[in-house]
């Protein structure tokens, strides 16, 4: 029985020695793994260039040089509403109100 125990220890000892790197510097420790930082993804909101409304027709918005109607998409944003004064676009659960000109006009 003792011979089997000694034989078992002799067979396992090379594996325990091989688990350590003989070329590593003394007192070396493996670096602590840090949690990966979640990247914040930001999307550029389309640039509202103009709003075109006919007398009895629906309004169209010119966003990033492309004419869009209500319900169409541009760069992942959905055109939700087009009024003569502003356009509302959405992406996911966020919403942006785009206006062609600032409210304050300096003279």
N, C-alpha and C. Protein backbone atom coordinates (compact mmCIF):
# COMPACT_ATOMS: atom_id res chain seq x y z
N UNK A 1 0.82 -1.18 0.00
CA UNK A 1 0.00 0.00 0.00
C UNK A 1 0.86 1.25 0.00
N UNK A 2 1.91 1.25 0.82
CA UNK A 2 2.80 2.40 0.89
C UNK A 2 3.55 2.57 -0.42
N UNK A 3 3.87 1.44 -1.09
CA UNK A 3 4.56 1.52 -2.38
C UNK A 3 3.67 2.19 -3.43
N UNK A 4 2.38 1.88 -3.40
CA UNK A 4 1.46 2.49 -4.36
C UNK A 4 1.34 4.00 -4.12
N UNK A 5 1.31 4.41 -2.85
CA UNK A 5 1.22 5.84 -2.51
C UNK A 5 2.48 6.57 -2.95
N UNK A 6 3.65 5.97 -2.73
CA UNK A 6 4.91 6.58 -3.14
C UNK A 6 5.01 6.65 -4.66
N UNK A 7 4.58 5.61 -5.33
CA UNK A 7 4.58 5.59 -6.79
C UNK A 7 3.64 6.67 -7.34
N UNK A 8 2.49 6.84 -6.70
CA UNK A 8 1.54 7.86 -7.12
C UNK A 8 2.14 9.26 -6.97
N UNK A 9 2.82 9.52 -5.86
CA UNK A 9 3.45 10.83 -5.64
C UNK A 9 4.57 11.08 -6.65
N UNK A 10 5.32 10.06 -6.98
CA UNK A 10 6.40 10.21 -7.96
C UNK A 10 5.84 10.49 -9.35
N UNK A 11 4.70 9.91 -9.67
CA UNK A 11 4.09 10.15 -10.98
C UNK A 11 3.49 11.55 -11.09
N UNK A 12 2.99 12.09 -10.00
CA UNK A 12 2.33 13.40 -10.03
C UNK A 12 3.33 14.54 -9.93
N UNK A 13 4.45 14.37 -9.28
CA UNK A 13 5.40 15.47 -9.04
C UNK A 13 5.90 16.15 -10.31
N UNK A 14 6.16 15.48 -11.44
CA UNK A 14 6.59 16.21 -12.64
C UNK A 14 5.51 17.16 -13.16
N UNK A 15 4.24 16.79 -12.98
CA UNK A 15 3.16 17.66 -13.46
C UNK A 15 3.07 18.94 -12.63
N UNK A 16 3.31 18.83 -11.33
CA UNK A 16 3.26 20.03 -10.50
C UNK A 16 4.43 20.94 -10.79
N UNK A 17 5.57 20.38 -11.10
CA UNK A 17 6.73 21.21 -11.46
C UNK A 17 6.54 21.86 -12.82
N UNK A 18 5.89 21.16 -13.72
CA UNK A 18 5.68 21.70 -15.06
C UNK A 18 4.63 22.80 -15.08
N UNK A 19 3.80 22.89 -14.04
CA UNK A 19 2.77 23.93 -14.02
C UNK A 19 3.36 25.30 -13.72
N UNK A 20 4.60 25.38 -13.28
CA UNK A 20 5.27 26.65 -13.02
C UNK A 20 6.24 26.94 -14.15
N UNK A 21 6.34 28.22 -14.52
CA UNK A 21 7.25 28.63 -15.59
C UNK A 21 8.65 28.79 -15.00
N UNK A 22 9.62 27.97 -15.43
CA UNK A 22 10.96 28.07 -14.86
C UNK A 22 11.70 29.34 -15.30
N UNK A 23 11.23 30.01 -16.34
CA UNK A 23 11.91 31.22 -16.81
C UNK A 23 11.31 32.49 -16.23
N UNK A 24 10.25 32.38 -15.44
CA UNK A 24 9.61 33.57 -14.87
C UNK A 24 10.51 34.17 -13.79
N UNK A 25 10.53 35.51 -13.66
CA UNK A 25 11.33 36.14 -12.61
C UNK A 25 10.82 35.74 -11.23
N UNK A 26 11.70 35.84 -10.25
CA UNK A 26 11.30 35.51 -8.88
C UNK A 26 10.24 36.51 -8.42
N UNK A 27 9.36 36.08 -7.58
CA UNK A 27 8.26 36.90 -7.04
C UNK A 27 7.33 37.43 -8.12
N UNK A 28 7.30 36.78 -9.26
CA UNK A 28 6.40 37.22 -10.34
C UNK A 28 5.01 36.69 -10.08
N UNK A 29 4.01 37.55 -10.32
CA UNK A 29 2.62 37.13 -10.18
C UNK A 29 1.88 37.50 -11.46
N UNK A 30 0.94 36.68 -11.82
CA UNK A 30 0.15 36.95 -13.02
C UNK A 30 -0.68 38.22 -12.79
N UNK A 31 -0.85 39.05 -13.83
CA UNK A 31 -1.64 40.27 -13.65
C UNK A 31 -3.11 39.93 -13.37
N UNK A 32 -3.71 40.79 -12.58
CA UNK A 32 -5.11 40.60 -12.23
C UNK A 32 -5.97 41.00 -13.43
N UNK A 33 -6.89 40.13 -13.78
CA UNK A 33 -7.76 40.43 -14.92
C UNK A 33 -8.83 41.42 -14.48
N UNK A 34 -8.98 42.47 -15.28
CA UNK A 34 -10.01 43.47 -14.99
C UNK A 34 -11.22 43.22 -15.86
N UNK A 35 -12.34 43.66 -15.40
CA UNK A 35 -13.57 43.51 -16.18
C UNK A 35 -13.49 44.41 -17.40
N UNK A 36 -14.01 43.93 -18.50
CA UNK A 36 -13.98 44.72 -19.73
C UNK A 36 -14.91 45.91 -19.60
N UNK A 37 -14.42 47.05 -20.06
CA UNK A 37 -15.20 48.27 -20.01
C UNK A 37 -16.18 48.27 -21.17
N UNK A 38 -17.42 48.55 -20.87
CA UNK A 38 -18.45 48.57 -21.90
C UNK A 38 -18.31 49.86 -22.70
N UNK A 39 -18.18 49.72 -24.02
CA UNK A 39 -18.02 50.89 -24.87
C UNK A 39 -19.36 51.59 -25.07
N UNK A 40 -19.31 52.90 -24.97
CA UNK A 40 -20.50 53.70 -25.22
C UNK A 40 -20.54 54.03 -26.70
N UNK A 41 -21.59 53.61 -27.35
CA UNK A 41 -21.74 53.86 -28.78
C UNK A 41 -22.61 55.09 -28.96
N UNK A 42 -22.09 56.05 -29.71
CA UNK A 42 -22.89 57.24 -29.98
C UNK A 42 -23.10 57.36 -31.48
N UNK A 43 -24.27 57.81 -31.83
CA UNK A 43 -24.64 57.96 -33.23
C UNK A 43 -24.86 59.44 -33.52
N UNK A 44 -24.44 59.87 -34.69
CA UNK A 44 -24.61 61.26 -35.07
C UNK A 44 -26.04 61.47 -35.54
N UNK A 45 -26.72 62.42 -34.90
CA UNK A 45 -28.10 62.73 -35.27
C UNK A 45 -28.07 63.40 -36.64
N UNK A 46 -28.99 63.03 -37.53
CA UNK A 46 -29.01 63.62 -38.87
C UNK A 46 -29.17 65.14 -38.80
N UNK A 47 -28.57 65.82 -39.77
CA UNK A 47 -28.63 67.28 -39.85
C UNK A 47 -29.87 67.68 -40.65
N UNK A 48 -30.74 68.45 -40.02
CA UNK A 48 -31.94 68.94 -40.70
C UNK A 48 -31.58 70.17 -41.51
N UNK A 49 -31.75 70.08 -42.82
CA UNK A 49 -31.39 71.19 -43.69
C UNK A 49 -32.61 72.00 -44.11
N UNK A 50 -33.75 71.34 -44.26
CA UNK A 50 -34.93 72.06 -44.70
C UNK A 50 -36.18 71.23 -44.46
N UNK A 51 -37.32 71.93 -44.39
CA UNK A 51 -38.63 71.28 -44.32
C UNK A 51 -39.46 71.85 -45.47
N UNK A 52 -40.00 70.97 -46.30
CA UNK A 52 -40.78 71.40 -47.46
C UNK A 52 -42.21 70.90 -47.28
N UNK A 53 -43.16 71.85 -47.28
CA UNK A 53 -44.57 71.50 -47.14
C UNK A 53 -45.36 72.10 -48.30
N UNK A 54 -46.21 71.29 -48.91
CA UNK A 54 -47.10 71.78 -49.94
C UNK A 54 -48.37 72.32 -49.30
N UNK A 55 -49.27 72.83 -50.11
CA UNK A 55 -50.50 73.39 -49.56
C UNK A 55 -51.35 72.31 -48.90
N UNK A 56 -51.57 71.21 -49.60
CA UNK A 56 -52.43 70.16 -49.04
C UNK A 56 -51.70 68.81 -48.97
N UNK A 57 -50.44 68.83 -49.24
CA UNK A 57 -49.65 67.60 -49.22
C UNK A 57 -48.94 67.47 -47.88
N UNK A 58 -48.45 66.28 -47.62
CA UNK A 58 -47.68 66.11 -46.40
C UNK A 58 -46.32 66.79 -46.54
N UNK A 59 -45.70 67.04 -45.41
CA UNK A 59 -44.40 67.71 -45.40
C UNK A 59 -43.28 66.69 -45.60
N UNK A 60 -42.18 67.16 -46.16
CA UNK A 60 -40.98 66.36 -46.34
C UNK A 60 -39.82 67.07 -45.66
N UNK A 61 -38.88 66.29 -45.15
CA UNK A 61 -37.70 66.86 -44.51
C UNK A 61 -36.47 66.50 -45.32
N UNK A 62 -35.55 67.44 -45.41
CA UNK A 62 -34.27 67.16 -46.06
C UNK A 62 -33.25 66.98 -44.94
N UNK A 63 -32.86 65.72 -44.75
CA UNK A 63 -31.92 65.33 -43.70
C UNK A 63 -30.65 64.80 -44.34
N UNK A 64 -29.53 65.41 -44.01
CA UNK A 64 -28.23 65.01 -44.58
C UNK A 64 -28.28 64.95 -46.10
N UNK A 65 -29.00 65.89 -46.71
CA UNK A 65 -29.05 65.99 -48.17
C UNK A 65 -30.01 65.01 -48.83
N UNK A 66 -30.80 64.27 -48.04
CA UNK A 66 -31.73 63.29 -48.60
C UNK A 66 -33.15 63.65 -48.19
N UNK A 67 -34.08 63.59 -49.14
CA UNK A 67 -35.48 63.90 -48.86
C UNK A 67 -36.14 62.69 -48.20
N UNK A 68 -36.76 62.93 -47.05
CA UNK A 68 -37.40 61.86 -46.28
C UNK A 68 -38.81 62.25 -45.90
N UNK A 69 -39.72 61.27 -45.93
CA UNK A 69 -41.10 61.46 -45.50
C UNK A 69 -41.28 60.81 -44.13
N UNK A 70 -42.42 61.04 -43.52
CA UNK A 70 -42.72 60.46 -42.22
C UNK A 70 -42.70 58.93 -42.33
N UNK A 71 -42.02 58.28 -41.38
CA UNK A 71 -41.93 56.82 -41.36
C UNK A 71 -40.68 56.26 -42.02
N UNK A 72 -39.97 57.08 -42.81
CA UNK A 72 -38.75 56.58 -43.46
C UNK A 72 -37.59 56.62 -42.48
N UNK A 73 -36.50 55.93 -42.87
CA UNK A 73 -35.32 55.85 -42.01
C UNK A 73 -34.12 56.50 -42.68
N UNK A 74 -33.23 57.04 -41.83
CA UNK A 74 -31.96 57.59 -42.29
C UNK A 74 -30.91 57.33 -41.21
N UNK A 75 -29.85 56.66 -41.57
CA UNK A 75 -28.74 56.34 -40.67
C UNK A 75 -29.21 55.67 -39.38
N UNK A 76 -30.21 54.81 -39.46
CA UNK A 76 -30.71 54.12 -38.29
C UNK A 76 -31.74 54.90 -37.49
N UNK A 77 -32.00 56.15 -37.86
CA UNK A 77 -33.00 56.98 -37.20
C UNK A 77 -34.30 56.89 -37.99
N UNK A 78 -35.41 56.91 -37.29
CA UNK A 78 -36.73 56.85 -37.92
C UNK A 78 -37.36 58.23 -37.86
N UNK A 79 -37.89 58.70 -38.98
CA UNK A 79 -38.56 60.00 -39.01
C UNK A 79 -39.97 59.77 -38.48
N UNK A 80 -40.23 60.28 -37.28
CA UNK A 80 -41.50 60.03 -36.62
C UNK A 80 -42.56 61.06 -36.99
N UNK A 81 -42.16 62.33 -37.04
CA UNK A 81 -43.13 63.39 -37.27
C UNK A 81 -42.46 64.53 -38.02
N UNK A 82 -43.19 65.12 -38.99
CA UNK A 82 -42.68 66.28 -39.72
C UNK A 82 -43.73 67.38 -39.65
N UNK A 83 -43.38 68.47 -39.00
CA UNK A 83 -44.22 69.66 -38.91
C UNK A 83 -43.54 70.78 -39.68
N UNK A 84 -44.25 71.86 -40.01
CA UNK A 84 -43.61 72.98 -40.71
C UNK A 84 -42.47 73.62 -39.92
N UNK A 85 -42.47 73.46 -38.58
CA UNK A 85 -41.46 74.10 -37.74
C UNK A 85 -40.37 73.16 -37.22
N UNK A 86 -40.64 71.87 -37.17
CA UNK A 86 -39.66 70.93 -36.62
C UNK A 86 -39.90 69.52 -37.15
N UNK A 87 -38.88 68.68 -36.96
CA UNK A 87 -38.94 67.26 -37.34
C UNK A 87 -38.55 66.45 -36.11
N UNK A 88 -39.27 65.38 -35.85
CA UNK A 88 -38.95 64.50 -34.74
C UNK A 88 -38.40 63.19 -35.29
N UNK A 89 -37.19 62.82 -34.83
CA UNK A 89 -36.59 61.55 -35.23
C UNK A 89 -36.38 60.71 -33.97
N UNK A 90 -36.43 59.38 -34.14
CA UNK A 90 -36.23 58.48 -33.01
C UNK A 90 -35.22 57.40 -33.37
N UNK A 91 -34.58 56.90 -32.34
CA UNK A 91 -33.69 55.74 -32.47
C UNK A 91 -33.80 54.97 -31.16
N UNK A 92 -34.30 53.76 -31.24
CA UNK A 92 -34.54 52.99 -30.02
C UNK A 92 -35.65 53.66 -29.23
N UNK A 93 -35.39 53.95 -27.96
CA UNK A 93 -36.39 54.62 -27.14
C UNK A 93 -36.07 56.10 -26.94
N UNK A 94 -35.10 56.63 -27.70
CA UNK A 94 -34.73 58.05 -27.59
C UNK A 94 -35.35 58.83 -28.74
N UNK A 95 -35.59 60.11 -28.46
CA UNK A 95 -36.28 60.95 -29.43
C UNK A 95 -35.58 62.31 -29.50
N UNK A 96 -35.44 62.86 -30.72
CA UNK A 96 -34.81 64.16 -30.93
C UNK A 96 -35.77 65.06 -31.71
N UNK A 97 -35.82 66.32 -31.31
CA UNK A 97 -36.63 67.31 -32.02
C UNK A 97 -35.65 68.21 -32.77
N UNK A 98 -35.69 68.15 -34.09
CA UNK A 98 -34.76 68.91 -34.92
C UNK A 98 -35.48 70.13 -35.48
N UNK A 99 -34.82 71.28 -35.36
CA UNK A 99 -35.38 72.52 -35.89
C UNK A 99 -34.41 73.10 -36.91
N UNK A 100 -34.93 73.67 -38.01
CA UNK A 100 -34.02 74.16 -39.05
C UNK A 100 -33.24 75.40 -38.62
N UNK A 101 -33.79 76.21 -37.75
CA UNK A 101 -33.13 77.44 -37.32
C UNK A 101 -33.26 77.56 -35.81
N UNK A 102 -32.28 78.23 -35.18
CA UNK A 102 -32.41 78.45 -33.74
C UNK A 102 -33.59 79.38 -33.45
N UNK A 103 -34.13 79.27 -32.25
CA UNK A 103 -35.29 80.10 -31.89
C UNK A 103 -34.93 81.58 -31.82
N UNK A 104 -33.74 81.88 -31.35
CA UNK A 104 -33.32 83.28 -31.23
C UNK A 104 -32.55 83.68 -32.48
N UNK A 105 -33.07 84.68 -33.17
CA UNK A 105 -32.38 85.20 -34.35
C UNK A 105 -31.82 86.56 -33.99
N UNK A 106 -30.50 86.70 -34.04
CA UNK A 106 -29.86 87.96 -33.69
C UNK A 106 -29.77 88.83 -34.93
N UNK A 107 -30.08 90.11 -34.76
CA UNK A 107 -30.00 91.05 -35.89
C UNK A 107 -28.90 92.06 -35.67
